[in-house]
C-alpha atoms as a PDB file:
ATOM      1  CA  MET A   1      -9.090-154.409 207.087  1.00  0.00           C
ATOM      2  CA  LYS A   2      -6.912-155.535 204.166  1.00  0.00           C
ATOM      3  CA  ILE A   3      -4.400-158.135 205.342  1.00  0.00           C
ATOM      4  CA  LYS A   4      -1.248-158.098 203.238  1.00  0.00           C
ATOM      5  CA  ARG A   5       0.553-161.359 202.515  1.00  0.00           C
ATOM      6  CA  LYS A   6       3.944-161.686 204.186  1.00  0.00           C
ATOM      7  CA  ILE A   7       6.543-163.037 201.753  1.00  0.00           C
ATOM      8  CA  GLU A   8      10.226-163.681 202.387  1.00  0.00           C
ATOM      9  CA  VAL A   9      11.475-162.904 198.851  1.00  0.00           C
ATOM     10  CA  VAL A  10       9.630-161.377 195.901  1.00  0.00           C
ATOM     11  CA  VAL A  11      11.185-161.194 192.419  1.00  0.00           C
ATOM     12  CA  ILE A  12       9.758-159.032 189.643  1.00  0.00           C
ATOM     13  CA  SER A  13      11.338-158.142 186.322  1.00  0.00           C
ATOM     14  CA  ASP A  14      10.658-156.651 182.904  1.00  0.00           C
ATOM     15  CA  ILE A  15       8.211-153.992 184.024  1.00  0.00           C
ATOM     16  CA  HIS A  16       9.418-151.556 181.331  1.00  0.00           C
ATOM     17  CA  LEU A  17       8.225-148.381 183.026  1.00  0.00           C
ATOM     18  CA  GLY A  18       8.032-145.606 180.453  1.00  0.00           C
ATOM     19  CA  THR A  19       6.609-147.731 177.644  1.00  0.00           C
ATOM     20  CA  TYR A  20       3.048-148.156 176.387  1.00  0.00           C
ATOM     21  CA  GLY A  21       3.125-151.874 177.080  1.00  0.00           C
ATOM     22  CA  CYS A  22       3.725-151.519 180.816  1.00  0.00           C
ATOM     23  CA  HIS A  23       0.752-152.414 183.040  1.00  0.00           C
ATOM     24  CA  ALA A  24       1.732-150.293 186.020  1.00  0.00           C
ATOM     25  CA  LYS A  25      -1.739-150.208 187.599  1.00  0.00           C
ATOM     26  CA  GLN A  26      -1.905-153.994 187.887  1.00  0.00           C
ATOM     27  CA  LEU A  27       1.626-154.109 189.281  1.00  0.00           C
ATOM     28  CA  LEU A  28       0.820-151.437 191.852  1.00  0.00           C
ATOM     29  CA  THR A  29      -2.215-153.429 192.973  1.00  0.00           C
ATOM     30  CA  TYR A  30       0.004-156.485 193.455  1.00  0.00           C
ATOM     31  CA  LEU A  31       2.625-154.517 195.377  1.00  0.00           C
ATOM     32  CA  ASP A  32      -0.121-153.115 197.609  1.00  0.00           C
ATOM     33  CA  SER A  33      -1.200-156.662 198.493  1.00  0.00           C
ATOM     34  CA  ILE A  34       2.147-157.918 199.806  1.00  0.00           C
ATOM     35  CA  ASN A  35       4.541-157.303 202.675  1.00  0.00           C
ATOM     36  CA  PRO A  36       7.915-158.643 201.477  1.00  0.00           C
ATOM     37  CA  LYS A  37      11.099-158.954 203.502  1.00  0.00           C
ATOM     38  CA  THR A  38      13.240-158.675 200.354  1.00  0.00           C
ATOM     39  CA  LEU A  39      12.182-157.276 196.976  1.00  0.00           C
ATOM     40  CA  ILE A  40      14.419-158.177 194.033  1.00  0.00           C
ATOM     41  CA  LEU A  41      13.970-156.102 190.871  1.00  0.00           C
ATOM     42  CA  ASN A  42      15.547-158.365 188.268  1.00  0.00           C
ATOM     43  CA  GLY A  43      16.190-155.945 185.405  1.00  0.00           C
ATOM     44  CA  ASP A  44      14.323-153.875 182.810  1.00  0.00           C
ATOM     45  CA  ILE A  45      12.359-152.045 185.481  1.00  0.00           C
ATOM     46  CA  ILE A  46      12.702-148.584 183.909  1.00  0.00           C
ATOM     47  CA  ASP A  47      12.987-148.771 180.124  1.00  0.00           C
ATOM     48  CA  ILE A  48      15.782-146.252 179.533  1.00  0.00           C
ATOM     49  CA  TRP A  49      16.254-147.502 175.958  1.00  0.00           C
ATOM     50  CA  GLN A  50      12.788-146.345 174.944  1.00  0.00           C
ATOM     51  CA  PHE A  51      12.409-143.531 177.457  1.00  0.00           C
ATOM     52  CA  ASN A  52      10.355-140.623 176.146  1.00  0.00           C
ATOM     53  CA  LYS A  53       9.821-137.459 178.190  1.00  0.00           C
ATOM     54  CA  ARG A  54       6.337-137.163 176.703  1.00  0.00           C
ATOM     55  CA  TYR A  55       5.269-140.542 178.090  1.00  0.00           C
ATOM     56  CA  PHE A  56       5.759-141.381 181.744  1.00  0.00           C
ATOM     57  CA  PRO A  57       2.224-141.486 183.198  1.00  0.00           C
ATOM     58  CA  LYS A  58       1.188-141.074 186.798  1.00  0.00           C
ATOM     59  CA  SER A  59       0.714-144.818 187.327  1.00  0.00           C
ATOM     60  CA  HIS A  60       4.376-145.402 186.430  1.00  0.00           C
ATOM     61  CA  LEU A  61       5.503-142.796 188.961  1.00  0.00           C
ATOM     62  CA  ARG A  62       3.313-144.498 191.567  1.00  0.00           C
ATOM     63  CA  VAL A  63       5.198-147.764 191.084  1.00  0.00           C
ATOM     64  CA  ILE A  64       8.517-146.008 191.760  1.00  0.00           C
ATOM     65  CA  LYS A  65       7.042-144.317 194.823  1.00  0.00           C
ATOM     66  CA  LYS A  66       5.688-147.643 196.096  1.00  0.00           C
ATOM     67  CA  ILE A  67       9.109-149.285 195.769  1.00  0.00           C
ATOM     68  CA  MET A  68      10.689-146.379 197.639  1.00  0.00           C
ATOM     69  CA  ASN A  69       8.044-146.721 200.350  1.00  0.00           C
ATOM     70  CA  PHE A  70       9.006-150.380 200.752  1.00  0.00           C
ATOM     71  CA  ALA A  71      12.640-149.382 201.277  1.00  0.00           C
ATOM     72  CA  ALA A  72      11.707-146.603 203.699  1.00  0.00           C
ATOM     73  CA  ASN A  73       9.748-149.132 205.765  1.00  0.00           C
ATOM     74  CA  GLY A  74      12.643-151.578 206.114  1.00  0.00           C
ATOM     75  CA  VAL A  75      12.228-153.803 203.043  1.00  0.00           C
ATOM     76  CA  GLU A  76      15.528-154.723 201.427  1.00  0.00           C
ATOM     77  CA  VAL A  77      15.242-153.638 197.775  1.00  0.00           C
ATOM     78  CA  ILE A  78      17.859-155.064 195.390  1.00  0.00           C
ATOM     79  CA  TYR A  79      17.912-153.651 191.859  1.00  0.00           C
ATOM     80  CA  ILE A  80      19.645-156.001 189.406  1.00  0.00           C
ATOM     81  CA  THR A  81      20.386-154.171 186.170  1.00  0.00           C
ATOM     82  CA  GLY A  82      19.107-155.401 182.806  1.00  0.00           C
ATOM     83  CA  ASN A  83      19.721-154.387 179.206  1.00  0.00           C
ATOM     84  CA  HIS A  84      16.953-151.780 179.012  1.00  0.00           C
ATOM     85  CA  ASP A  85      18.216-150.110 182.188  1.00  0.00           C
ATOM     86  CA  GLU A  86      21.913-150.803 181.571  1.00  0.00           C
ATOM     87  CA  MET A  87      22.696-147.121 182.159  1.00  0.00           C
ATOM     88  CA  LEU A  88      22.397-147.907 185.859  1.00  0.00           C
ATOM     89  CA  ARG A  89      25.352-150.299 185.631  1.00  0.00           C
ATOM     90  CA  LYS A  90      27.676-147.345 186.206  1.00  0.00           C
ATOM     91  CA  PHE A  91      26.212-147.316 189.745  1.00  0.00           C
ATOM     92  CA  THR A  92      26.848-151.031 190.383  1.00  0.00           C
ATOM     93  CA  ASP A  93      27.503-151.859 194.049  1.00  0.00           C
ATOM     94  CA  THR A  94      25.970-148.560 195.158  1.00  0.00           C
ATOM     95  CA  THR A  95      23.766-148.685 198.251  1.00  0.00           C
ATOM     96  CA  ILE A  96      21.370-145.934 199.334  1.00  0.00           C
ATOM     97  CA  GLY A  97      19.542-146.801 202.532  1.00  0.00           C
ATOM     98  CA  ASN A  98      17.816-150.125 201.913  1.00  0.00           C
ATOM     99  CA  ILE A  99      18.204-149.914 198.119  1.00  0.00           C
ATOM    100  CA  SER A 100      21.219-151.473 196.400  1.00  0.00           C
ATOM    101  CA  ILE A 101      22.166-151.709 192.712  1.00  0.00           C
ATOM    102  CA  VAL A 102      24.016-154.808 191.462  1.00  0.00           C
ATOM    103  CA  ASN A 103      24.608-156.734 188.235  1.00  0.00           C
ATOM    104  CA  LYS A 104      24.065-160.145 189.819  1.00  0.00           C
ATOM    105  CA  LEU A 105      23.230-161.543 193.220  1.00  0.00           C
ATOM    106  CA  VAL A 106      23.754-164.697 195.268  1.00  0.00           C
ATOM    107  CA  LEU A 107      21.530-165.399 198.284  1.00  0.00           C
ATOM    108  CA  ASN A 108      21.468-168.227 200.799  1.00  0.00           C
ATOM    109  CA  LEU A 109      17.876-169.393 201.116  1.00  0.00           C
ATOM    110  CA  ASP A 110      17.412-171.966 203.867  1.00  0.00           C
ATOM    111  CA  GLY A 111      20.783-173.547 203.168  1.00  0.00           C
ATOM    112  CA  LYS A 112      20.479-173.429 199.380  1.00  0.00           C
ATOM    113  CA  LYS A 113      22.336-171.055 197.053  1.00  0.00           C
ATOM    114  CA  ALA A 114      20.253-168.908 194.700  1.00  0.00           C
ATOM    115  CA  TRP A 115      21.858-167.083 191.761  1.00  0.00           C
ATOM    116  CA  PHE A 116      19.990-164.054 190.394  1.00  0.00           C
ATOM    117  CA  PHE A 117      20.747-162.140 187.187  1.00  0.00           C
ATOM    118  CA  HIS A 118      18.695-160.572 184.402  1.00  0.00           C
ATOM    119  CA  GLY A 119      19.931-162.755 181.521  1.00  0.00           C
ATOM    120  CA  ASP A 120      20.786-160.331 178.713  1.00  0.00           C
ATOM    121  CA  VAL A 121      24.401-161.505 178.922  1.00  0.00           C
ATOM    122  CA  PHE A 122      23.249-164.571 176.932  1.00  0.00           C
ATOM    123  CA  ASP A 123      21.709-162.463 174.157  1.00  0.00           C
ATOM    124  CA  ALA A 124      24.115-162.154 171.230  1.00  0.00           C
ATOM    125  CA  SER A 125      21.923-159.574 169.472  1.00  0.00           C
ATOM    126  CA  ILE A 126      22.358-157.239 172.431  1.00  0.00           C
ATOM    127  CA  GLN A 127      26.060-157.855 172.950  1.00  0.00           C
ATOM    128  CA  ASN A 128      27.054-157.579 169.272  1.00  0.00           C
ATOM    129  CA  ALA A 129      24.404-155.399 167.577  1.00  0.00           C
ATOM    130  CA  LYS A 130      22.682-153.264 170.175  1.00  0.00           C
ATOM    131  CA  TRP A 131      20.955-151.043 167.623  1.00  0.00           C
ATOM    132  CA  ILE A 132      19.121-154.086 166.200  1.00  0.00           C
ATOM    133  CA  ALA A 133      17.937-155.043 169.668  1.00  0.00           C
ATOM    134  CA  LYS A 134      16.731-151.490 170.325  1.00  0.00           C
ATOM    135  CA  LEU A 135      14.877-151.418 167.004  1.00  0.00           C
ATOM    136  CA  GLY A 136      13.231-154.701 167.968  1.00  0.00           C
ATOM    137  CA  GLY A 137      12.186-153.150 171.271  1.00  0.00           C
ATOM    138  CA  TYR A 138      10.378-150.316 169.487  1.00  0.00           C
ATOM    139  CA  GLY A 139       8.657-152.830 167.222  1.00  0.00           C
ATOM    140  CA  TYR A 140       7.544-154.870 170.231  1.00  0.00           C
ATOM    141  CA  ASP A 141       6.142-151.746 171.895  1.00  0.00           C
ATOM    142  CA  PHE A 142       4.211-150.882 168.700  1.00  0.00           C
ATOM    143  CA  LEU A 143       2.822-154.430 168.551  1.00  0.00           C
ATOM    144  CA  ILE A 144       1.604-154.079 172.156  1.00  0.00           C
ATOM    145  CA  LEU A 145      -0.233-150.868 171.207  1.00  0.00           C
ATOM    146  CA  ILE A 146      -1.956-152.622 168.286  1.00  0.00           C
ATOM    147  CA  ASN A 147      -2.787-155.545 170.596  1.00  0.00           C
ATOM    148  CA  ARG A 148      -4.485-153.191 173.086  1.00  0.00           C
ATOM    149  CA  LEU A 149      -6.713-151.769 170.337  1.00  0.00           C
ATOM    150  CA  PHE A 150      -7.450-155.286 169.096  1.00  0.00           C
ATOM    151  CA  ASN A 151      -8.394-156.433 172.606  1.00  0.00           C
ATOM    152  CA  TRP A 152     -10.624-153.393 173.104  1.00  0.00           C
ATOM    153  CA  PHE A 153     -12.710-154.544 170.134  1.00  0.00           C
ATOM    154  CA  LEU A 154     -12.768-158.115 171.480  1.00  0.00           C
ATOM    155  CA  VAL A 155     -14.034-156.920 174.874  1.00  0.00           C
ATOM    156  CA  MET A 156     -16.705-154.806 173.151  1.00  0.00           C
ATOM    157  CA  LEU A 157     -17.825-157.962 171.359  1.00  0.00           C
ATOM    158  CA  GLY A 158     -17.884-159.916 174.607  1.00  0.00           C
ATOM    159  CA  ARG A 159     -14.917-162.100 173.695  1.00  0.00           C
ATOM    160  CA  GLU A 160     -11.726-162.959 175.588  1.00  0.00           C
ATOM    161  CA  LYS A 161      -8.541-160.948 175.144  1.00  0.00           C
ATOM    162  CA  TYR A 162      -5.844-162.307 172.848  1.00  0.00           C
ATOM    163  CA  SER A 163      -2.057-161.822 172.861  1.00  0.00           C
ATOM    164  CA  LEU A 164      -0.676-161.254 169.377  1.00  0.00           C
ATOM    165  CA  SER A 165       2.940-161.152 170.547  1.00  0.00           C
ATOM    166  CA  LYS A 166       2.591-164.451 172.438  1.00  0.00           C
ATOM    167  CA  LYS A 167       1.081-166.061 169.356  1.00  0.00           C
ATOM    168  CA  ILE A 168       3.903-164.787 167.163  1.00  0.00           C
ATOM    169  CA  LYS A 169       6.650-165.880 169.590  1.00  0.00           C
ATOM    170  CA  ASN A 170       5.131-169.318 170.082  1.00  0.00           C
ATOM    171  CA  SER A 171       4.742-169.894 166.350  1.00  0.00           C
ATOM    172  CA  VAL A 172       8.210-168.757 165.287  1.00  0.00           C
ATOM    173  CA  LYS A 173      10.635-171.664 165.562  1.00  0.00           C
ATOM    174  CA  SER A 174      13.674-169.414 166.070  1.00  0.00           C
ATOM    175  CA  ALA A 175      11.993-167.702 169.053  1.00  0.00           C
ATOM    176  CA  VAL A 176      11.086-171.032 170.649  1.00  0.00           C
ATOM    177  CA  LYS A 177      14.640-172.283 170.078  1.00  0.00           C
ATOM    178  CA  TYR A 178      16.105-169.104 171.587  1.00  0.00           C
ATOM    179  CA  ILE A 179      14.067-169.509 174.770  1.00  0.00           C
ATOM    180  CA  SER A 180      15.102-173.139 175.072  1.00  0.00           C
ATOM    181  CA  ASN A 181      18.769-172.261 174.533  1.00  0.00           C
ATOM    182  CA  PHE A 182      18.547-169.444 177.090  1.00  0.00           C
ATOM    183  CA  GLU A 183      17.194-171.801 179.734  1.00  0.00           C
ATOM    184  CA  ASN A 184      19.746-174.523 178.957  1.00  0.00           C
ATOM    185  CA  VAL A 185      22.723-172.149 179.190  1.00  0.00           C
ATOM    186  CA  ALA A 186      21.482-170.709 182.494  1.00  0.00           C
ATOM    187  CA  VAL A 187      20.988-174.200 183.911  1.00  0.00           C
ATOM    188  CA  GLU A 188      24.382-175.496 182.783  1.00  0.00           C
ATOM    189  CA  LEU A 189      26.187-172.532 184.331  1.00  0.00           C
ATOM    190  CA  ALA A 190      24.223-172.844 187.565  1.00  0.00           C
ATOM    191  CA  ILE A 191      25.011-176.555 187.919  1.00  0.00           C
ATOM    192  CA  GLU A 192      28.662-175.942 187.049  1.00  0.00           C
ATOM    193  CA  ASN A 193      28.920-173.337 189.821  1.00  0.00           C
ATOM    194  CA  GLY A 194      26.965-175.299 192.413  1.00  0.00           C
ATOM    195  CA  TYR A 195      23.823-173.156 192.582  1.00  0.00           C
ATOM    196  CA  ASP A 196      20.574-174.760 193.692  1.00  0.00           C
ATOM    197  CA  TYR A 197      18.453-172.068 192.029  1.00  0.00           C
ATOM    198  CA  VAL A 198      19.072-169.849 188.995  1.00  0.00           C
ATOM    199  CA  VAL A 199      16.630-166.934 188.742  1.00  0.00           C
ATOM    200  CA  CYS A 200      16.348-164.873 185.540  1.00  0.00           C
ATOM    201  CA  GLY A 201      14.128-162.434 183.678  1.00  0.00           C
ATOM    202  CA  HIS A 202      14.699-161.001 180.177  1.00  0.00           C
ATOM    203  CA  ILE A 203      12.730-163.466 178.021  1.00  0.00           C
ATOM    204  CA  HIS A 204       9.285-162.666 179.529  1.00  0.00           C
ATOM    205  CA  GLN A 205       8.487-166.353 180.052  1.00  0.00           C
ATOM    206  CA  PRO A 206       7.447-167.199 183.647  1.00  0.00           C
ATOM    207  CA  LYS A 207       8.620-170.655 184.610  1.00  0.00           C
ATOM    208  CA  ILE A 208       9.783-172.946 187.400  1.00  0.00           C
ATOM    209  CA  LEU A 209      11.558-176.056 186.175  1.00  0.00           C
ATOM    210  CA  ILE A 210      13.901-178.613 187.760  1.00  0.00           C
ATOM    211  CA  LYS A 211      16.599-179.516 185.248  1.00  0.00           C
ATOM    212  CA  LYS A 212      19.367-182.102 185.394  1.00  0.00           C
ATOM    213  CA  ASN A 213      22.485-183.024 183.510  1.00  0.00           C
ATOM    214  CA  LYS A 214      25.280-185.521 184.162  1.00  0.00           C
ATOM    215  CA  TYR A 215      26.923-183.103 186.607  1.00  0.00           C
ATOM    216  CA  GLY A 216      23.909-182.442 188.831  1.00  0.00           C
ATOM    217  CA  GLN A 217      20.642-180.542 188.957  1.00  0.00           C
ATOM    218  CA  THR A 218      19.249-177.078 189.645  1.00  0.00           C
ATOM    219  CA  THR A 219      15.906-175.295 189.629  1.00  0.00           C
ATOM    220  CA  TYR A 220      15.483-172.756 186.826  1.00  0.00           C
ATOM    221  CA  LEU A 221      13.102-169.880 187.567  1.00  0.00           C
ATOM    222  CA  ASN A 222      11.933-166.939 185.479  1.00  0.00           C
ATOM    223  CA  SER A 223       9.782-164.131 186.849  1.00  0.00           C
ATOM    224  CA  GLY A 224       8.082-163.330 183.533  1.00  0.00           C
ATOM    225  CA  ASP A 225       6.994-159.728 182.947  1.00  0.00           C
ATOM    226  CA  TRP A 226       4.379-157.007 183.528  1.00  0.00           C
ATOM    227  CA  ILE A 227       3.571-156.424 179.872  1.00  0.00           C
ATOM    228  CA  GLU A 228       1.762-159.645 178.957  1.00  0.00           C
ATOM    229  CA  ASN A 229       1.990-162.213 181.748  1.00  0.00           C
ATOM    230  CA  PHE A 230       1.635-160.058 184.920  1.00  0.00           C
ATOM    231  CA  THR A 231       3.749-162.474 186.974  1.00  0.00           C
ATOM    232  CA  ALA A 232       6.253-162.519 189.831  1.00  0.00           C
ATOM    233  CA  LEU A 233       8.215-165.103 191.792  1.00  0.00           C
ATOM    234  CA  GLU A 234       7.559-165.573 195.512  1.00  0.00           C
ATOM    235  CA  TYR A 235       9.719-167.498 198.002  1.00  0.00           C
ATOM    236  CA  GLN A 236       8.094-168.495 201.284  1.00  0.00           C
ATOM    237  CA  PHE A 237       8.218-171.561 203.548  1.00  0.00           C
ATOM    238  CA  LYS A 238      11.252-172.947 201.691  1.00  0.00           C
ATOM    239  CA  ARG A 239       9.523-173.103 198.324  1.00  0.00           C
ATOM    240  CA  TRP A 240       9.096-170.997 195.199  1.00  0.00           C
ATOM    241  CA  LYS A 241       5.872-170.268 193.355  1.00  0.00           C
ATOM    242  CA  ILE A 242       4.797-168.134 190.405  1.00  0.00           C
ATOM    243  CA  TYR A 243       2.338-165.379 191.254  1.00  0.00           C
ATOM    244  CA  ASN A 244      -0.109-164.648 188.420  1.00  0.00           C
ATOM    245  CA  TYR A 245      -2.156-161.462 188.679  1.00  0.00           C
ATOM    246  CA  SER A 246      -4.881-162.776 186.377  1.00  0.00           C
ATOM    247  CA  GLN A 247      -5.522-165.628 188.836  1.00  0.00           C
ATOM    248  CA  ASP A 248      -5.482-163.492 191.994  1.00  0.00           C
ATOM    249  CA  LYS A 249      -9.040-163.204 193.318  1.00  0.00           C
ATOM    250  CA  ARG A 250      -7.913-160.845 196.098  1.00  0.00           C
ATOM    251  CA  ALA A 251      -6.405-158.270 193.719  1.00  0.00           C
ATOM    252  CA  PRO A 252      -9.524-156.060 193.340  1.00  0.00           C
ATOM    253  CA  PHE A 253      -9.506-155.371 197.091  1.00  0.00           C
ATOM    254  CA  PHE A 254      -6.062-153.724 197.156  1.00  0.00           C
ATOM    255  CA  ALA A 255      -5.146-150.157 196.306  1.00  0.00           C
ATOM    256  CA  ASP A 256      -2.800-147.761 198.062  1.00  0.00           C
ATOM    257  CA  SER A 257      -5.097-144.769 198.529  1.00  0.00           C
ATOM    258  CA  ASP A 258      -2.299-142.489 199.751  1.00  0.00           C
ATOM    259  CA  ILE A 259      -0.258-142.936 196.592  1.00  0.00           C
ATOM    260  CA  LYS A 260      -3.302-143.090 194.337  1.00  0.00           C
ATOM    261  CA  ALA A 261      -4.535-139.719 195.603  1.00  0.00           C
ATOM    262  CA  MET A 262      -1.207-137.941 195.070  1.00  0.00           C
ATOM    263  CA  GLU A 263      -0.915-135.410 192.257  1.00  0.00           C
ATOM    264  CA  ILE A 264       1.778-135.967 189.660  1.00  0.00           C
ATOM    265  CA  LYS A 265       3.873-133.019 190.906  1.00  0.00           C
ATOM    266  CA  ASP A 266       3.774-134.483 194.418  1.00  0.00           C
ATOM    267  CA  LEU A 267       4.800-137.922 193.128  1.00  0.00           C
ATOM    268  CA  ILE A 268       7.779-136.428 191.302  1.00  0.00           C
ATOM    269  CA  ALA A 269       8.770-134.490 194.403  1.00  0.00           C
ATOM    270  CA  ALA A 270       8.416-137.574 196.584  1.00  0.00           C
ATOM    271  CA  ILE A 271      10.845-139.623 194.481  1.00  0.00           C
ATOM    272  CA  THR A 272      13.419-136.871 193.855  1.00  0.00           C
ATOM    273  CA  ILE A 273      13.650-134.765 197.016  1.00  0.00           C
ATOM    274  CA  ILE A 274      15.747-135.983 199.936  1.00  0.00           C
ATOM    275  CA  ASP A 275      14.644-134.919 203.400  1.00  0.00           C
ATOM    276  CA  PRO A 276      17.547-133.097 205.146  1.00  0.00           C
ATOM    277  CA  ASN A 277      16.565-134.855 208.374  1.00  0.00           C
ATOM    278  CA  ASP A 278      17.230-138.203 206.680  1.00  0.00           C
ATOM    279  CA  ILE A 279      20.726-137.050 205.749  1.00  0.00           C
ATOM    280  CA  ARG A 280      21.492-135.908 209.313  1.00  0.00           C
ATOM    281  CA  GLU A 281      20.188-139.148 210.771  1.00  0.00           C
ATOM    282  CA  SER A 282      22.396-141.233 208.449  1.00  0.00           C
ATOM    283  CA  GLN A 283      25.542-139.302 209.444  1.00  0.00           C
END
């Protein structure tokens, strides 16, 4: 029997469903291994910017179905909108069953205030020149495709995989400075508003860091992504930790056979058709 880990709050972001870089199978395995009370989707879950009707594989549909299954089974699912799924912002403050859509969120966690938002509000390239940001997104997706081919050759040669995009970001001074500035702005705003935790996504850099200034201190957290890092944030027993799929020895033992066995037409039907009985029961 596979025992799923009970977790009070799980935060995932930057999945980018609908792109070649998304590792939906690994994410689904992680979701199959947990039993959360609250699941926070902190932006860029479905990549509407780069959505292509010709590419939305079965594994991506399975992730959506899994999230809906969580909600159907009593898990509170909170979808915080990001820049790549900003189209959903027109539905802000909408609640359907256990699923709600918001732009930001404040939770009380064991007497401490936690502030959740995606983080694209800090990105000037998105706010002032969206077409440049979108072009960069396509370039990033193309780089991920090249990286996959590169890693395939490395595996064939018996060598470890290598992340080209990580290497580029870590070697470009402007990228490193941007990440640092992003974190500093988030921290300053959190301290100014009296938040004990500030939880972001957007920059694909998983991190937990206690930061101080002359006005106080807060804990900065970033959930990372499911393109390169395969990470999430978990809150349990009054503490946060970063989950890393690559370090999870239990991961190979988890797979949702019911969802995995479903045909693509059944998956589409399952996430688009509303049972009339559900409507009557909610009235």
